[in-house]
Every structure is written in structure tokens, then in C-alpha cells.
Amino acid sequence: MAPERRPRPSASLAVTPDRPLIGIMVVEDGQQIVHYFADEDEIEAALPTPTIDDVRSLAGVWSDLDWEEALDELDRIRHESEPTPPIDDL
């Protein structure tokens, strides 16, 4: 009986030059892995959907920030930045 061959992940991906290549970094078994896709629909199918616990873990993430200080900083940045010139060529 022949030994079972396990599929090996491909080290290359061939796409036509007009197709974008999208890299999504995920953590698998404690290692950062980049999955590359040429189709956005494939990304949604391949990535796990967030669980309710993932969503709940975001609650209160910024609760330790001083919002008055953050608003003052955003206001300072807004006043120090030069406005974008009008776009005349459309």
C-alpha cells in the first residue's frame, strides 16, 4: 500500500497582470501567515467570521482615553493642516 500523500501548500500564485493581489495576515497556530487572494469573494469565504466574543472584546477598548485631550489634539491637527486645494479637473 502506498503511503498517503498530504497536500502541500503552494508557494506560488499565478494571476493575470490586471488582477489585484490581496494579502491578508492571520495568526495560525501562533504564527503569522499571509494568505494571498486575487478575488475578494474568496477572501470572505476563506476567513473565519468573527464570533460574538470577538465583537464583545472590543467594548471598552478605548475607555482609558482622555476624550477631552483627544478632541483637543484633533482640533489642533485640523487647524495646523493646510486645506486641500479645489479639484478643478474632473
N, C-alpha and C. Protein backbone atom coordinates (compact mmCIF):
# COMPACT_ATOMS: atom_id res chain seq x y z
N MET A 1 0.85 -1.16 0.00
CA MET A 1 0.00 0.00 0.00
C MET A 1 0.90 1.24 0.00
N ALA A 2 0.58 2.18 -0.86
CA ALA A 2 1.38 3.41 -0.99
C ALA A 2 1.09 4.34 0.18
N PRO A 3 2.12 5.04 0.65
CA PRO A 3 1.90 5.98 1.75
C PRO A 3 0.97 7.13 1.30
N GLU A 4 0.17 7.60 2.23
CA GLU A 4 -0.76 8.68 1.92
C GLU A 4 0.01 9.98 1.71
N ARG A 5 -0.30 10.67 0.62
CA ARG A 5 0.36 11.94 0.32
C ARG A 5 -0.48 13.07 0.86
N ARG A 6 0.14 13.91 1.67
CA ARG A 6 -0.57 15.07 2.21
C ARG A 6 -0.38 16.24 1.26
N PRO A 7 -1.45 17.00 1.02
CA PRO A 7 -1.30 18.16 0.16
C PRO A 7 -0.36 19.19 0.79
N ARG A 8 0.49 19.75 -0.04
CA ARG A 8 1.43 20.75 0.43
C ARG A 8 0.97 22.12 -0.05
N PRO A 9 0.99 23.14 0.82
CA PRO A 9 0.56 24.46 0.37
C PRO A 9 1.43 24.95 -0.78
N SER A 10 0.80 25.59 -1.73
CA SER A 10 1.51 26.10 -2.88
C SER A 10 2.36 27.30 -2.48
N ALA A 11 3.55 27.39 -3.04
CA ALA A 11 4.45 28.50 -2.75
C ALA A 11 4.32 29.60 -3.79
N SER A 12 3.44 29.42 -4.78
CA SER A 12 3.28 30.45 -5.80
C SER A 12 1.81 30.62 -6.14
N LEU A 13 1.51 31.78 -6.73
CA LEU A 13 0.15 32.09 -7.14
C LEU A 13 0.26 32.82 -8.47
N ALA A 14 -0.42 32.34 -9.48
CA ALA A 14 -0.36 32.95 -10.80
C ALA A 14 -1.66 33.69 -11.09
N VAL A 15 -1.54 34.98 -11.41
CA VAL A 15 -2.69 35.78 -11.78
C VAL A 15 -2.31 36.65 -12.97
N THR A 16 -3.32 37.11 -13.70
CA THR A 16 -3.06 37.99 -14.83
C THR A 16 -2.68 39.37 -14.30
N PRO A 17 -1.93 40.16 -15.07
CA PRO A 17 -1.44 41.46 -14.60
C PRO A 17 -2.55 42.45 -14.22
N ASP A 18 -3.74 42.27 -14.76
CA ASP A 18 -4.81 43.21 -14.45
C ASP A 18 -5.57 42.86 -13.16
N ARG A 19 -5.20 41.78 -12.51
CA ARG A 19 -5.88 41.36 -11.27
C ARG A 19 -5.08 41.84 -10.06
N PRO A 20 -5.76 42.44 -9.07
CA PRO A 20 -5.03 42.84 -7.86
C PRO A 20 -4.71 41.60 -7.02
N LEU A 21 -3.64 41.68 -6.29
CA LEU A 21 -3.25 40.62 -5.38
C LEU A 21 -3.43 41.16 -3.97
N ILE A 22 -4.27 40.51 -3.18
CA ILE A 22 -4.62 40.99 -1.85
C ILE A 22 -4.03 40.04 -0.82
N GLY A 23 -3.25 40.57 0.10
CA GLY A 23 -2.66 39.76 1.16
C GLY A 23 -3.37 40.01 2.48
N ILE A 24 -3.80 38.96 3.15
CA ILE A 24 -4.48 39.06 4.44
C ILE A 24 -3.64 38.30 5.46
N MET A 25 -3.21 39.01 6.51
CA MET A 25 -2.39 38.36 7.54
C MET A 25 -3.30 37.81 8.63
N VAL A 26 -3.08 36.55 8.98
CA VAL A 26 -3.82 35.89 10.05
C VAL A 26 -2.82 35.17 10.95
N VAL A 27 -3.25 34.84 12.14
CA VAL A 27 -2.42 34.07 13.07
C VAL A 27 -2.95 32.64 13.08
N GLU A 28 -2.09 31.70 12.73
CA GLU A 28 -2.45 30.29 12.72
C GLU A 28 -1.44 29.53 13.55
N ASP A 29 -1.91 28.82 14.54
CA ASP A 29 -1.04 28.04 15.44
C ASP A 29 0.09 28.90 15.99
N GLY A 30 -0.22 30.15 16.33
CA GLY A 30 0.76 31.03 16.93
C GLY A 30 1.73 31.69 15.95
N GLN A 31 1.56 31.45 14.66
CA GLN A 31 2.44 32.05 13.65
C GLN A 31 1.65 32.98 12.76
N GLN A 32 2.29 34.10 12.36
CA GLN A 32 1.65 35.00 11.41
C GLN A 32 1.81 34.42 10.02
N ILE A 33 0.70 34.27 9.33
CA ILE A 33 0.67 33.71 7.98
C ILE A 33 -0.05 34.71 7.08
N VAL A 34 0.46 34.92 5.87
CA VAL A 34 -0.21 35.78 4.91
C VAL A 34 -0.86 34.91 3.85
N HIS A 35 -2.17 35.07 3.69
CA HIS A 35 -2.91 34.39 2.64
C HIS A 35 -3.10 35.40 1.50
N TYR A 36 -2.79 35.00 0.29
CA TYR A 36 -2.93 35.88 -0.86
C TYR A 36 -4.14 35.46 -1.69
N PHE A 37 -4.88 36.47 -2.14
CA PHE A 37 -6.09 36.23 -2.92
C PHE A 37 -6.09 37.17 -4.13
N ALA A 38 -6.75 36.73 -5.19
CA ALA A 38 -6.93 37.57 -6.37
C ALA A 38 -8.40 37.90 -6.56
N ASP A 39 -9.25 37.43 -5.65
CA ASP A 39 -10.69 37.66 -5.76
C ASP A 39 -11.25 37.96 -4.37
N GLU A 40 -11.95 39.09 -4.24
CA GLU A 40 -12.47 39.50 -2.94
C GLU A 40 -13.49 38.51 -2.39
N ASP A 41 -14.26 37.87 -3.25
CA ASP A 41 -15.24 36.89 -2.78
C ASP A 41 -14.55 35.70 -2.11
N GLU A 42 -13.38 35.32 -2.59
CA GLU A 42 -12.63 34.22 -1.99
C GLU A 42 -12.15 34.58 -0.59
N ILE A 43 -11.85 35.86 -0.37
CA ILE A 43 -11.39 36.31 0.95
C ILE A 43 -12.49 36.05 1.98
N GLU A 44 -13.69 36.50 1.67
CA GLU A 44 -14.79 36.34 2.62
C GLU A 44 -15.07 34.87 2.91
N ALA A 45 -14.93 34.02 1.91
CA ALA A 45 -15.19 32.59 2.10
C ALA A 45 -14.09 31.93 2.92
N ALA A 46 -12.85 32.43 2.81
CA ALA A 46 -11.72 31.77 3.46
C ALA A 46 -11.51 32.22 4.90
N LEU A 47 -11.88 33.44 5.23
CA LEU A 47 -11.63 33.94 6.58
C LEU A 47 -12.76 33.58 7.51
N PRO A 48 -12.43 33.28 8.75
CA PRO A 48 -13.49 32.94 9.71
C PRO A 48 -14.31 34.19 10.04
N THR A 49 -15.59 33.97 10.28
CA THR A 49 -16.44 35.09 10.67
C THR A 49 -16.21 35.37 12.15
N PRO A 50 -16.23 36.64 12.54
CA PRO A 50 -16.00 36.95 13.95
C PRO A 50 -17.12 36.39 14.83
N THR A 51 -16.74 35.91 15.99
CA THR A 51 -17.73 35.40 16.93
C THR A 51 -18.25 36.54 17.78
N ILE A 52 -19.31 36.31 18.50
CA ILE A 52 -19.87 37.33 19.38
C ILE A 52 -18.85 37.72 20.45
N ASP A 53 -18.02 36.76 20.88
CA ASP A 53 -16.99 37.07 21.87
C ASP A 53 -15.95 38.01 21.29
N ASP A 54 -15.61 37.84 20.00
CA ASP A 54 -14.67 38.75 19.35
C ASP A 54 -15.22 40.17 19.35
N VAL A 55 -16.50 40.28 19.05
CA VAL A 55 -17.13 41.60 18.99
C VAL A 55 -17.23 42.20 20.38
N ARG A 56 -17.61 41.41 21.36
CA ARG A 56 -17.73 41.92 22.73
C ARG A 56 -16.38 42.35 23.29
N SER A 57 -15.31 41.72 22.85
CA SER A 57 -13.99 42.08 23.37
C SER A 57 -13.59 43.49 22.96
N LEU A 58 -14.24 44.04 21.94
CA LEU A 58 -13.95 45.40 21.51
C LEU A 58 -14.60 46.45 22.40
N ALA A 59 -15.62 46.06 23.14
CA ALA A 59 -16.32 47.02 24.00
C ALA A 59 -15.36 47.54 25.06
N GLY A 60 -15.28 48.86 25.14
CA GLY A 60 -14.44 49.48 26.16
C GLY A 60 -12.97 49.53 25.85
N VAL A 61 -12.58 49.22 24.63
CA VAL A 61 -11.16 49.21 24.28
C VAL A 61 -10.53 50.59 24.50
N TRP A 62 -11.28 51.64 24.22
CA TRP A 62 -10.73 52.99 24.36
C TRP A 62 -11.22 53.68 25.62
N SER A 63 -11.73 52.92 26.58
CA SER A 63 -12.30 53.54 27.78
C SER A 63 -11.26 54.27 28.63
N ASP A 64 -9.99 53.95 28.49
CA ASP A 64 -8.96 54.59 29.30
C ASP A 64 -8.46 55.90 28.68
N LEU A 65 -8.96 56.27 27.51
CA LEU A 65 -8.51 57.50 26.86
C LEU A 65 -9.17 58.72 27.48
N ASP A 66 -8.42 59.81 27.54
CA ASP A 66 -8.97 61.10 27.98
C ASP A 66 -9.57 61.77 26.75
N TRP A 67 -10.91 61.73 26.62
CA TRP A 67 -11.56 62.22 25.41
C TRP A 67 -11.40 63.71 25.21
N GLU A 68 -11.35 64.48 26.28
CA GLU A 68 -11.13 65.93 26.13
C GLU A 68 -9.77 66.19 25.51
N GLU A 69 -8.77 65.45 25.96
CA GLU A 69 -7.42 65.59 25.41
C GLU A 69 -7.39 65.15 23.94
N ALA A 70 -8.09 64.07 23.63
CA ALA A 70 -8.13 63.58 22.25
C ALA A 70 -8.82 64.59 21.34
N LEU A 71 -9.93 65.19 21.80
CA LEU A 71 -10.62 66.19 20.99
C LEU A 71 -9.76 67.43 20.79
N ASP A 72 -9.05 67.85 21.83
CA ASP A 72 -8.14 69.00 21.71
C ASP A 72 -7.04 68.71 20.69
N GLU A 73 -6.51 67.49 20.71
CA GLU A 73 -5.45 67.12 19.77
C GLU A 73 -5.98 67.09 18.33
N LEU A 74 -7.17 66.55 18.13
CA LEU A 74 -7.77 66.54 16.79
C LEU A 74 -8.04 67.95 16.30
N ASP A 75 -8.49 68.82 17.19
CA ASP A 75 -8.74 70.20 16.82
C ASP A 75 -7.44 70.90 16.44
N ARG A 76 -6.37 70.65 17.19
CA ARG A 76 -5.05 71.22 16.88
C ARG A 76 -4.58 70.76 15.50
N ILE A 77 -4.72 69.47 15.22
CA ILE A 77 -4.29 68.93 13.92
C ILE A 77 -5.10 69.57 12.80
N ARG A 78 -6.39 69.72 13.01
CA ARG A 78 -7.26 70.32 11.99
C ARG A 78 -6.83 71.75 11.67
N HIS A 79 -6.49 72.52 12.69
CA HIS A 79 -6.12 73.92 12.48
C HIS A 79 -4.71 74.08 11.91
N GLU A 80 -3.82 73.12 12.17
CA GLU A 80 -2.45 73.20 11.66
C GLU A 80 -2.33 72.68 10.23
N SER A 81 -3.29 71.92 9.77
CA SER A 81 -3.23 71.32 8.44
C SER A 81 -3.71 72.31 7.39
N GLU A 82 -3.02 72.30 6.24
CA GLU A 82 -3.46 73.15 5.13
C GLU A 82 -4.62 72.45 4.42
N PRO A 83 -5.63 73.22 4.01
CA PRO A 83 -6.76 72.61 3.31
C PRO A 83 -6.34 72.08 1.95
N THR A 84 -7.05 71.09 1.49
CA THR A 84 -6.81 70.54 0.16
C THR A 84 -7.29 71.54 -0.87
N PRO A 85 -6.45 71.82 -1.88
CA PRO A 85 -6.90 72.78 -2.90
C PRO A 85 -8.08 72.22 -3.70
N PRO A 86 -8.89 73.10 -4.27
CA PRO A 86 -10.05 72.63 -5.04
C PRO A 86 -9.62 71.77 -6.24
N ILE A 87 -10.42 70.80 -6.54
CA ILE A 87 -10.16 69.94 -7.69
C ILE A 87 -10.95 70.49 -8.87
N ASP A 88 -10.24 71.06 -9.83
CA ASP A 88 -10.89 71.69 -10.98
C ASP A 88 -11.01 70.77 -12.18
N ASP A 89 -10.11 69.79 -12.26
CA ASP A 89 -10.09 68.89 -13.43
C ASP A 89 -10.85 67.62 -13.12
N LEU A 90 -12.04 67.51 -13.65
CA LEU A 90 -12.82 66.27 -13.45
C LEU A 90 -13.19 65.68 -14.77
